[in-house]
Amino acid sequence: MKGTECNLSLDELLKFEVLQLQVFSARGKLVDYKSKTMPKEMAQMTAKFCGAVNLMFDALASAYTQLYKIELDAST
């Protein structure tokens, strides 16, 4: 997050109208997970997919920075 961090736990967030919450690393490792409906195996697969997308955006940002001297940061 940029600016303000959320200080609520996953259990507290799950009280809202949320079906599932995931915390995963930039490389796609499931760090934490809470769900009302989604099995853990599906959450792990989703985390891997998000990690792959993040790697793609990191590669694009790096390439554009080198080729066009545009400073991009895929993490924002």
PDB file of N, CA and C in Angstrom:
ATOM      1  N   MET A   1       0.828  -1.170   0.000  1.00  0.00           N
ATOM      2  CA  MET A   1       0.000   0.000   0.000  1.00  0.00           C
ATOM      3  C   MET A   1       0.873   1.234   0.000  1.00  0.00           C
ATOM      4  N   LYS A   2       0.369   2.258  -0.573  1.00  0.00           N
ATOM      5  CA  LYS A   2       1.103   3.506  -0.583  1.00  0.00           C
ATOM      6  C   LYS A   2       0.379   4.501   0.318  1.00  0.00           C
ATOM      7  N   GLY A   3       1.099   5.162   1.164  1.00  0.00           N
ATOM      8  CA  GLY A   3       0.477   6.149   2.019  1.00  0.00           C
ATOM      9  C   GLY A   3       0.045   5.569   3.346  1.00  0.00           C
ATOM     10  N   THR A   4      -1.184   5.141   3.453  1.00  0.00           N
ATOM     11  CA  THR A   4      -1.735   4.655   4.706  1.00  0.00           C
ATOM     12  C   THR A   4      -1.767   3.139   4.728  1.00  0.00           C
ATOM     13  N   GLU A   5      -1.265   2.576   5.808  1.00  0.00           N
ATOM     14  CA  GLU A   5      -1.288   1.124   5.979  1.00  0.00           C
ATOM     15  C   GLU A   5      -2.566   0.717   6.699  1.00  0.00           C
ATOM     16  N   CYS A   6      -3.051  -0.448   6.397  1.00  0.00           N
ATOM     17  CA  CYS A   6      -4.216  -1.003   7.067  1.00  0.00           C
ATOM     18  C   CYS A   6      -3.736  -1.771   8.300  1.00  0.00           C
ATOM     19  N   ASN A   7      -4.260  -1.431   9.454  1.00  0.00           N
ATOM     20  CA  ASN A   7      -3.836  -2.077  10.699  1.00  0.00           C
ATOM     21  C   ASN A   7      -4.779  -3.181  11.145  1.00  0.00           C
ATOM     22  N   LEU A   8      -5.750  -3.539  10.310  1.00  0.00           N
ATOM     23  CA  LEU A   8      -6.681  -4.603  10.657  1.00  0.00           C
ATOM     24  C   LEU A   8      -6.078  -5.961  10.326  1.00  0.00           C
ATOM     25  N   SER A   9      -6.406  -6.942  11.135  1.00  0.00           N
ATOM     26  CA  SER A   9      -5.955  -8.307  10.853  1.00  0.00           C
ATOM     27  C   SER A   9      -6.831  -8.909   9.756  1.00  0.00           C
ATOM     28  N   LEU A  10      -6.398 -10.032   9.210  1.00  0.00           N
ATOM     29  CA  LEU A  10      -7.215 -10.703   8.195  1.00  0.00           C
ATOM     30  C   LEU A  10      -8.557 -11.140   8.789  1.00  0.00           C
ATOM     31  N   ASP A  11      -8.558 -11.582  10.033  1.00  0.00           N
ATOM     32  CA  ASP A  11      -9.812 -11.976  10.683  1.00  0.00           C
ATOM     33  C   ASP A  11     -10.771 -10.788  10.799  1.00  0.00           C
ATOM     34  N   GLU A  12     -10.231  -9.616  11.137  1.00  0.00           N
ATOM     35  CA  GLU A  12     -11.073  -8.417  11.235  1.00  0.00           C
ATOM     36  C   GLU A  12     -11.606  -8.001   9.873  1.00  0.00           C
ATOM     37  N   LEU A  13     -10.753  -8.077   8.850  1.00  0.00           N
ATOM     38  CA  LEU A  13     -11.185  -7.721   7.498  1.00  0.00           C
ATOM     39  C   LEU A  13     -12.243  -8.688   6.972  1.00  0.00           C
ATOM     40  N   LEU A  14     -12.147  -9.946   7.352  1.00  0.00           N
ATOM     41  CA  LEU A  14     -13.079 -10.963   6.891  1.00  0.00           C
ATOM     42  C   LEU A  14     -14.497 -10.715   7.414  1.00  0.00           C
ATOM     43  N   LYS A  15     -14.632  -9.904   8.455  1.00  0.00           N
ATOM     44  CA  LYS A  15     -15.950  -9.569   8.989  1.00  0.00           C
ATOM     45  C   LYS A  15     -16.746  -8.688   8.023  1.00  0.00           C
ATOM     46  N   PHE A  16     -16.050  -7.981   7.138  1.00  0.00           N
ATOM     47  CA  PHE A  16     -16.728  -7.191   6.118  1.00  0.00           C
ATOM     48  C   PHE A  16     -17.267  -8.144   5.058  1.00  0.00           C
ATOM     49  N   GLU A  17     -17.892  -7.624   4.033  1.00  0.00           N
ATOM     50  CA  GLU A  17     -18.441  -8.487   2.981  1.00  0.00           C
ATOM     51  C   GLU A  17     -17.330  -8.935   2.033  1.00  0.00           C
ATOM     52  N   VAL A  18     -16.409  -9.702   2.585  1.00  0.00           N
ATOM     53  CA  VAL A  18     -15.260 -10.207   1.845  1.00  0.00           C
ATOM     54  C   VAL A  18     -15.299 -11.724   1.900  1.00  0.00           C
ATOM     55  N   LEU A  19     -15.077 -12.377   0.767  1.00  0.00           N
ATOM     56  CA  LEU A  19     -15.097 -13.836   0.741  1.00  0.00           C
ATOM     57  C   LEU A  19     -13.760 -14.445   1.093  1.00  0.00           C
ATOM     58  N   GLN A  20     -12.675 -13.792   0.647  1.00  0.00           N
ATOM     59  CA  GLN A  20     -11.354 -14.336   0.952  1.00  0.00           C
ATOM     60  C   GLN A  20     -10.309 -13.240   0.910  1.00  0.00           C
ATOM     61  N   LEU A  21      -9.250 -13.439   1.673  1.00  0.00           N
ATOM     62  CA  LEU A  21      -8.128 -12.503   1.738  1.00  0.00           C
ATOM     63  C   LEU A  21      -6.838 -13.282   1.615  1.00  0.00           C
ATOM     64  N   GLN A  22      -5.896 -12.707   0.900  1.00  0.00           N
ATOM     65  CA  GLN A  22      -4.590 -13.344   0.744  1.00  0.00           C
ATOM     66  C   GLN A  22      -3.494 -12.327   0.941  1.00  0.00           C
ATOM     67  N   VAL A  23      -2.426 -12.759   1.542  1.00  0.00           N
ATOM     68  CA  VAL A  23      -1.186 -11.990   1.600  1.00  0.00           C
ATOM     69  C   VAL A  23      -0.145 -12.893   0.962  1.00  0.00           C
ATOM     70  N   PHE A  24       0.528 -12.372  -0.072  1.00  0.00           N
ATOM     71  CA  PHE A  24       1.533 -13.177  -0.741  1.00  0.00           C
ATOM     72  C   PHE A  24       2.740 -12.339  -1.081  1.00  0.00           C
ATOM     73  N   SER A  25       3.869 -13.007  -1.253  1.00  0.00           N
ATOM     74  CA  SER A  25       5.115 -12.310  -1.573  1.00  0.00           C
ATOM     75  C   SER A  25       5.113 -11.878  -3.035  1.00  0.00           C
ATOM     76  N   ALA A  26       6.057 -11.016  -3.371  1.00  0.00           N
ATOM     77  CA  ALA A  26       6.172 -10.546  -4.757  1.00  0.00           C
ATOM     78  C   ALA A  26       6.490 -11.686  -5.713  1.00  0.00           C
ATOM     79  N   ARG A  27       7.039 -12.766  -5.205  1.00  0.00           N
ATOM     80  CA  ARG A  27       7.392 -13.915  -6.044  1.00  0.00           C
ATOM     81  C   ARG A  27       6.328 -15.002  -6.050  1.00  0.00           C
ATOM     82  N   GLY A  28       5.187 -14.750  -5.393  1.00  0.00           N
ATOM     83  CA  GLY A  28       4.081 -15.679  -5.494  1.00  0.00           C
ATOM     84  C   GLY A  28       3.959 -16.721  -4.404  1.00  0.00           C
ATOM     85  N   LYS A  29       4.595 -16.486  -3.251  1.00  0.00           N
ATOM     86  CA  LYS A  29       4.458 -17.427  -2.134  1.00  0.00           C
ATOM     87  C   LYS A  29       3.329 -16.944  -1.227  1.00  0.00           C
ATOM     88  N   LEU A  30       2.406 -17.843  -0.903  1.00  0.00           N
ATOM     89  CA  LEU A  30       1.303 -17.515  -0.009  1.00  0.00           C
ATOM     90  C   LEU A  30       1.854 -17.312   1.398  1.00  0.00           C
ATOM     91  N   VAL A  31       1.678 -16.109   1.955  1.00  0.00           N
ATOM     92  CA  VAL A  31       2.193 -15.769   3.274  1.00  0.00           C
ATOM     93  C   VAL A  31       1.111 -15.963   4.333  1.00  0.00           C
ATOM     94  N   ASP A  32      -0.102 -15.495   4.023  1.00  0.00           N
ATOM     95  CA  ASP A  32      -1.224 -15.643   4.943  1.00  0.00           C
ATOM     96  C   ASP A  32      -2.496 -15.730   4.121  1.00  0.00           C
ATOM     97  N   TYR A  33      -3.530 -16.320   4.716  1.00  0.00           N
ATOM     98  CA  TYR A  33      -4.738 -16.599   3.963  1.00  0.00           C
ATOM     99  C   TYR A  33      -5.907 -16.817   4.912  1.00  0.00           C
ATOM    100  N   LYS A  34      -7.028 -16.199   4.600  1.00  0.00           N
ATOM    101  CA  LYS A  34      -8.286 -16.425   5.311  1.00  0.00           C
ATOM    102  C   LYS A  34      -9.392 -16.446   4.259  1.00  0.00           C
ATOM    103  N   SER A  35     -10.341 -17.359   4.415  1.00  0.00           N
ATOM    104  CA  SER A  35     -11.412 -17.446   3.429  1.00  0.00           C
ATOM    105  C   SER A  35     -12.665 -18.055   4.030  1.00  0.00           C
ATOM    106  N   LYS A  36     -13.794 -17.625   3.489  1.00  0.00           N
ATOM    107  CA  LYS A  36     -15.071 -18.233   3.834  1.00  0.00           C
ATOM    108  C   LYS A  36     -15.425 -19.328   2.834  1.00  0.00           C
ATOM    109  N   THR A  37     -14.819 -19.286   1.649  1.00  0.00           N
ATOM    110  CA  THR A  37     -15.230 -20.196   0.580  1.00  0.00           C
ATOM    111  C   THR A  37     -14.087 -20.882  -0.165  1.00  0.00           C
ATOM    112  N   MET A  38     -12.931 -20.281  -0.264  1.00  0.00           N
ATOM    113  CA  MET A  38     -11.853 -20.776  -1.124  1.00  0.00           C
ATOM    114  C   MET A  38     -10.934 -21.753  -0.405  1.00  0.00           C
ATOM    115  N   PRO A  39     -10.703 -22.933  -0.982  1.00  0.00           N
ATOM    116  CA  PRO A  39      -9.745 -23.873  -0.383  1.00  0.00           C
ATOM    117  C   PRO A  39      -8.316 -23.308  -0.427  1.00  0.00           C
ATOM    118  N   LYS A  40      -7.487 -23.729   0.513  1.00  0.00           N
ATOM    119  CA  LYS A  40      -6.109 -23.220   0.586  1.00  0.00           C
ATOM    120  C   LYS A  40      -5.331 -23.509  -0.698  1.00  0.00           C
ATOM    121  N   GLU A  41      -5.564 -24.666  -1.323  1.00  0.00           N
ATOM    122  CA  GLU A  41      -4.861 -25.006  -2.563  1.00  0.00           C
ATOM    123  C   GLU A  41      -5.150 -23.980  -3.661  1.00  0.00           C
ATOM    124  N   MET A  42      -6.392 -23.503  -3.731  1.00  0.00           N
ATOM    125  CA  MET A  42      -6.752 -22.494  -4.719  1.00  0.00           C
ATOM    126  C   MET A  42      -6.077 -21.154  -4.398  1.00  0.00           C
ATOM    127  N   ALA A  43      -5.987 -20.832  -3.118  1.00  0.00           N
ATOM    128  CA  ALA A  43      -5.307 -19.605  -2.712  1.00  0.00           C
ATOM    129  C   ALA A  43      -3.826 -19.656  -3.071  1.00  0.00           C
ATOM    130  N   GLN A  44      -3.197 -20.820  -2.905  1.00  0.00           N
ATOM    131  CA  GLN A  44      -1.786 -20.971  -3.274  1.00  0.00           C
ATOM    132  C   GLN A  44      -1.602 -20.806  -4.782  1.00  0.00           C
ATOM    133  N   MET A  45      -2.508 -21.365  -5.573  1.00  0.00           N
ATOM    134  CA  MET A  45      -2.434 -21.233  -7.024  1.00  0.00           C
ATOM    135  C   MET A  45      -2.617 -19.769  -7.438  1.00  0.00           C
ATOM    136  N   THR A  46      -3.547 -19.080  -6.791  1.00  0.00           N
ATOM    137  CA  THR A  46      -3.774 -17.667  -7.088  1.00  0.00           C
ATOM    138  C   THR A  46      -2.545 -16.842  -6.744  1.00  0.00           C
ATOM    139  N   ALA A  47      -1.909 -17.135  -5.620  1.00  0.00           N
ATOM    140  CA  ALA A  47      -0.690 -16.418  -5.229  1.00  0.00           C
ATOM    141  C   ALA A  47       0.413 -16.623  -6.261  1.00  0.00           C
ATOM    142  N   LYS A  48       0.546 -17.850  -6.778  1.00  0.00           N
ATOM    143  CA  LYS A  48       1.557 -18.116  -7.814  1.00  0.00           C
ATOM    144  C   LYS A  48       1.264 -17.326  -9.078  1.00  0.00           C
ATOM    145  N   PHE A  49      -0.005 -17.258  -9.461  1.00  0.00           N
ATOM    146  CA  PHE A  49      -0.389 -16.482 -10.643  1.00  0.00           C
ATOM    147  C   PHE A  49      -0.052 -15.007 -10.448  1.00  0.00           C
ATOM    148  N   CYS A  50      -0.392 -14.465  -9.284  1.00  0.00           N
ATOM    149  CA  CYS A  50      -0.092 -13.060  -9.004  1.00  0.00           C
ATOM    150  C   CYS A  50       1.417 -12.811  -8.993  1.00  0.00           C
ATOM    151  N   GLY A  51       2.188 -13.762  -8.499  1.00  0.00           N
ATOM    152  CA  GLY A  51       3.646 -13.654  -8.535  1.00  0.00           C
ATOM    153  C   GLY A  51       4.172 -13.616  -9.957  1.00  0.00           C
ATOM    154  N   ALA A  52       3.587 -14.443 -10.835  1.00  0.00           N
ATOM    155  CA  ALA A  52       4.011 -14.454 -12.242  1.00  0.00           C
ATOM    156  C   ALA A  52       3.689 -13.129 -12.920  1.00  0.00           C
ATOM    157  N   VAL A  53       2.520 -12.577 -12.641  1.00  0.00           N
ATOM    158  CA  VAL A  53       2.142 -11.280 -13.214  1.00  0.00           C
ATOM    159  C   VAL A  53       3.079 -10.194 -12.701  1.00  0.00           C
ATOM    160  N   ASN A  54       3.413 -10.243 -11.422  1.00  0.00           N
ATOM    161  CA  ASN A  54       4.332  -9.267 -10.850  1.00  0.00           C
ATOM    162  C   ASN A  54       5.710  -9.340 -11.512  1.00  0.00           C
ATOM    163  N   LEU A  55       6.202 -10.565 -11.755  1.00  0.00           N
ATOM    164  CA  LEU A  55       7.495 -10.729 -12.446  1.00  0.00           C
ATOM    165  C   LEU A  55       7.450 -10.127 -13.846  1.00  0.00           C
ATOM    166  N   MET A  56       6.327 -10.315 -14.544  1.00  0.00           N
ATOM    167  CA  MET A  56       6.186  -9.755 -15.895  1.00  0.00           C
ATOM    168  C   MET A  56       6.252  -8.223 -15.844  1.00  0.00           C
ATOM    169  N   PHE A  57       5.538  -7.614 -14.903  1.00  0.00           N
ATOM    170  CA  PHE A  57       5.564  -6.158 -14.796  1.00  0.00           C
ATOM    171  C   PHE A  57       6.938  -5.654 -14.374  1.00  0.00           C
ATOM    172  N   ASP A  58       7.635  -6.378 -13.525  1.00  0.00           N
ATOM    173  CA  ASP A  58       9.011  -6.004 -13.168  1.00  0.00           C
ATOM    174  C   ASP A  58       9.910  -6.007 -14.400  1.00  0.00           C
ATOM    175  N   ALA A  59       9.761  -7.031 -15.246  1.00  0.00           N
ATOM    176  CA  ALA A  59      10.566  -7.119 -16.468  1.00  0.00           C
ATOM    177  C   ALA A  59      10.241  -5.968 -17.423  1.00  0.00           C
ATOM    178  N   LEU A  60       8.960  -5.658 -17.579  1.00  0.00           N
ATOM    179  CA  LEU A  60       8.562  -4.541 -18.448  1.00  0.00           C
ATOM    180  C   LEU A  60       9.100  -3.204 -17.930  1.00  0.00           C
ATOM    181  N   ALA A  61       8.986  -2.986 -16.626  1.00  0.00           N
ATOM    182  CA  ALA A  61       9.480  -1.730 -16.048  1.00  0.00           C
ATOM    183  C   ALA A  61      10.979  -1.602 -16.247  1.00  0.00           C
ATOM    184  N   SER A  62      11.696  -2.690 -16.056  1.00  0.00           N
ATOM    185  CA  SER A  62      13.143  -2.672 -16.245  1.00  0.00           C
ATOM    186  C   SER A  62      13.508  -2.382 -17.700  1.00  0.00           C
ATOM    187  N   ALA A  63      12.816  -3.034 -18.631  1.00  0.00           N
ATOM    188  CA  ALA A  63      13.103  -2.840 -20.056  1.00  0.00           C
ATOM    189  C   ALA A  63      12.819  -1.408 -20.485  1.00  0.00           C
ATOM    190  N   TYR A  64      11.677  -0.857 -20.081  1.00  0.00           N
ATOM    191  CA  TYR A  64      11.348   0.519 -20.462  1.00  0.00           C
ATOM    192  C   TYR A  64      12.314   1.510 -19.838  1.00  0.00           C
ATOM    193  N   THR A  65      12.761   1.243 -18.619  1.00  0.00           N
ATOM    194  CA  THR A  65      13.730   2.123 -17.977  1.00  0.00           C
ATOM    195  C   THR A  65      15.040   2.131 -18.763  1.00  0.00           C
ATOM    196  N   GLN A  66      15.498   0.953 -19.192  1.00  0.00           N
ATOM    197  CA  GLN A  66      16.754   0.865 -19.931  1.00  0.00           C
ATOM    198  C   GLN A  66      16.631   1.417 -21.349  1.00  0.00           C
ATOM    199  N   LEU A  67      15.573   1.061 -22.054  1.00  0.00           N
ATOM    200  CA  LEU A  67      15.442   1.448 -23.458  1.00  0.00           C
ATOM    201  C   LEU A  67      15.052   2.905 -23.663  1.00  0.00           C
ATOM    202  N   TYR A  68      14.141   3.387 -22.847  1.00  0.00           N
ATOM    203  CA  TYR A  68      13.574   4.714 -23.088  1.00  0.00           C
ATOM    204  C   TYR A  68      13.895   5.713 -21.984  1.00  0.00           C
ATOM    205  N   LYS A  69      14.711   5.304 -21.030  1.00  0.00           N
ATOM    206  CA  LYS A  69      15.103   6.173 -19.914  1.00  0.00           C
ATOM    207  C   LYS A  69      13.890   6.717 -19.163  1.00  0.00           C
ATOM    208  N   ILE A  70      12.844   5.891 -19.078  1.00  0.00           N
ATOM    209  CA  ILE A  70      11.652   6.228 -18.319  1.00  0.00           C
ATOM    210  C   ILE A  70      11.738   5.455 -17.004  1.00  0.00           C
ATOM    211  N   GLU A  71      11.696   6.163 -15.914  1.00  0.00           N
ATOM    212  CA  GLU A  71      11.775   5.507 -14.613  1.00  0.00           C
ATOM    213  C   GLU A  71      10.415   4.942 -14.247  1.00  0.00           C
ATOM    214  N   LEU A  72      10.294   3.634 -14.270  1.00  0.00           N
ATOM    215  CA  LEU A  72       9.054   2.962 -13.892  1.00  0.00           C
ATOM    216  C   LEU A  72       9.325   2.043 -12.730  1.00  0.00           C
ATOM    217  N   ASP A  73       8.344   1.920 -11.862  1.00  0.00           N
ATOM    218  CA  ASP A  73       8.452   1.017 -10.719  1.00  0.00           C
ATOM    219  C   ASP A  73       7.185   0.175 -10.705  1.00  0.00           C
ATOM    220  N   ALA A  74       7.301  -1.102 -11.002  1.00  0.00           N
ATOM    221  CA  ALA A  74       6.138  -1.973 -11.107  1.00  0.00           C
ATOM    222  C   ALA A  74       5.488  -2.244  -9.763  1.00  0.00           C
ATOM    223  N   SER A  75       6.146  -1.920  -8.674  1.00  0.00           N
ATOM    224  CA  SER A  75       5.581  -2.207  -7.354  1.00  0.00           C
ATOM    225  C   SER A  75       4.571  -1.155  -6.907  1.00  0.00           C
ATOM    226  N   THR A  76       4.434  -0.058  -7.637  1.00  0.00           N
ATOM    227  CA  THR A  76       3.479   0.988  -7.224  1.00  0.00           C
ATOM    228  C   THR A  76       2.242   0.952  -8.057  1.00  0.00           C
TER     229      THR A  76
END
